[in-house]
Amino acid sequence: MAGIPNRIKNDVEYEEVLERMRKGAEMIEHPLTTEKSRAELMKVYDALSEAAVAYRMHPDVRAGREPVYEMELTDKPTSAAAETPEPVPQPTATNINLSDWL
């Protein structure tokens, strides 16, 4: 899963989002994370959280079924360029040796 999903379509995607949230929380709480990075990570975390909650609150999911979304009708022409979302910068995992500060 590359970017932040607009909506989660099934339990597999939901579990992937939860895993990204867990990893993001670890990075947010890391003592060497800068305030700027923490703010950017929180935006991503909040967006993932909103998508996860929206999925779980969907009436079909609450009834034990995969959600069925209504088609979104727009006046925009459909093209591959119009449907491709902007890439969201992913948090980079750095290998930090924390044994020095112990």
Protein backbone atom coordinates (compact mmCIF):
# COMPACT_ATOMS: atom_id res chain seq x y z
CA MET A 1 0.00 0.00 0.00
CA ALA A 2 1.85 3.03 -1.25
CA GLY A 3 -0.25 6.07 -0.34
CA ILE A 4 -2.94 6.88 2.14
CA PRO A 5 -6.11 5.11 1.04
CA ASN A 6 -9.31 7.11 0.54
CA ARG A 7 -11.24 4.08 1.65
CA ILE A 8 -10.44 0.58 2.77
CA LYS A 9 -12.08 -2.13 0.70
CA ASN A 10 -11.51 -5.32 2.74
CA ASP A 11 -10.05 -6.76 5.92
CA VAL A 12 -6.63 -7.36 4.32
CA GLU A 13 -6.27 -3.66 3.52
CA TYR A 14 -7.57 -2.83 7.00
CA GLU A 15 -4.87 -4.99 8.61
CA GLU A 16 -2.22 -3.33 6.41
CA VAL A 17 -3.42 0.10 7.55
CA LEU A 18 -3.30 -0.99 11.20
CA GLU A 19 0.28 -2.22 10.72
CA ARG A 20 1.28 1.11 9.13
CA MET A 21 -0.34 2.92 12.05
CA ARG A 22 1.60 0.80 14.56
CA LYS A 23 4.90 1.50 12.80
CA GLY A 24 4.03 5.18 12.51
CA ALA A 25 3.25 5.36 16.23
CA GLU A 26 6.65 3.87 17.02
CA MET A 27 8.33 6.51 14.85
CA ILE A 28 6.24 9.33 16.38
CA GLU A 29 7.16 8.27 19.91
CA HIS A 30 10.84 7.70 19.13
CA PRO A 31 12.97 10.05 21.28
CA LEU A 32 15.11 11.16 18.33
CA THR A 33 12.18 12.14 16.07
CA THR A 34 12.22 15.88 15.40
CA GLU A 35 9.14 18.01 15.95
CA LYS A 36 8.85 18.66 12.20
CA SER A 37 8.96 14.94 11.41
CA ARG A 38 6.57 14.22 14.25
CA ALA A 39 4.04 16.72 12.83
CA GLU A 40 4.28 15.17 9.35
CA LEU A 41 3.96 11.66 10.75
CA MET A 42 0.91 12.70 12.79
CA LYS A 43 -0.84 13.92 9.63
CA VAL A 44 -0.29 10.54 7.99
CA TYR A 45 -1.29 8.70 11.18
CA ASP A 46 -4.49 10.75 11.50
CA ALA A 47 -5.46 10.10 7.87
CA LEU A 48 -4.87 6.36 8.29
CA SER A 49 -6.85 6.39 11.51
CA GLU A 50 -9.79 8.12 9.84
CA ALA A 51 -9.78 5.56 7.01
CA ALA A 52 -9.68 2.66 9.51
CA VAL A 53 -12.54 4.06 11.59
CA ALA A 54 -14.63 4.76 8.49
CA TYR A 55 -14.11 1.16 7.34
CA ARG A 56 -15.08 -0.34 10.70
CA MET A 57 -18.14 1.90 11.00
CA HIS A 58 -19.43 1.00 7.51
CA PRO A 59 -22.80 -0.79 7.92
CA ASP A 60 -21.72 -3.74 5.75
CA VAL A 61 -18.55 -4.32 7.77
CA ARG A 62 -20.47 -4.10 11.03
CA ALA A 63 -22.79 -6.81 9.64
CA GLY A 64 -19.81 -9.04 8.79
CA ARG A 65 -19.74 -8.40 5.02
CA GLU A 66 -17.30 -6.60 2.74
CA PRO A 67 -18.44 -3.03 2.17
CA VAL A 68 -20.17 -2.09 -1.04
CA TYR A 69 -19.56 1.52 -2.01
CA GLU A 70 -21.82 3.44 -4.32
CA MET A 71 -20.19 4.65 -7.50
CA GLU A 72 -19.13 8.24 -7.33
CA LEU A 73 -20.54 10.11 -10.31
CA THR A 74 -18.56 13.10 -11.47
CA ASP A 75 -18.49 15.30 -14.53
CA LYS A 76 -14.74 14.88 -14.79
CA PRO A 77 -13.36 12.89 -17.70
CA THR A 78 -11.88 9.60 -16.64
CA SER A 79 -8.26 9.21 -17.54
CA ALA A 80 -5.30 7.50 -15.98
CA ALA A 81 -3.63 10.85 -15.28
CA ALA A 82 -6.72 12.21 -13.52
CA GLU A 83 -7.09 9.12 -11.32
CA THR A 84 -3.47 8.88 -10.23
CA PRO A 85 -3.12 10.45 -6.77
CA GLU A 86 -0.07 12.47 -5.85
CA PRO A 87 2.54 10.32 -4.15
CA VAL A 88 2.62 10.86 -0.42
CA PRO A 89 6.08 10.94 1.11
CA GLN A 90 6.51 7.84 3.23
CA PRO A 91 8.31 8.02 6.54
CA THR A 92 11.78 6.67 6.16
CA ALA A 93 12.97 4.13 8.66
CA THR A 94 16.47 4.85 9.78
CA ASN A 95 18.65 2.49 11.68
CA ILE A 96 19.59 4.49 14.74
CA ASN A 97 21.95 3.02 17.28
CA LEU A 98 20.39 3.92 20.63
CA SER A 99 22.91 2.02 22.74
CA ASP A 100 25.11 5.14 23.02
CA TRP A 101 22.67 7.06 25.17
CA LEU A 102 22.08 4.19 27.61
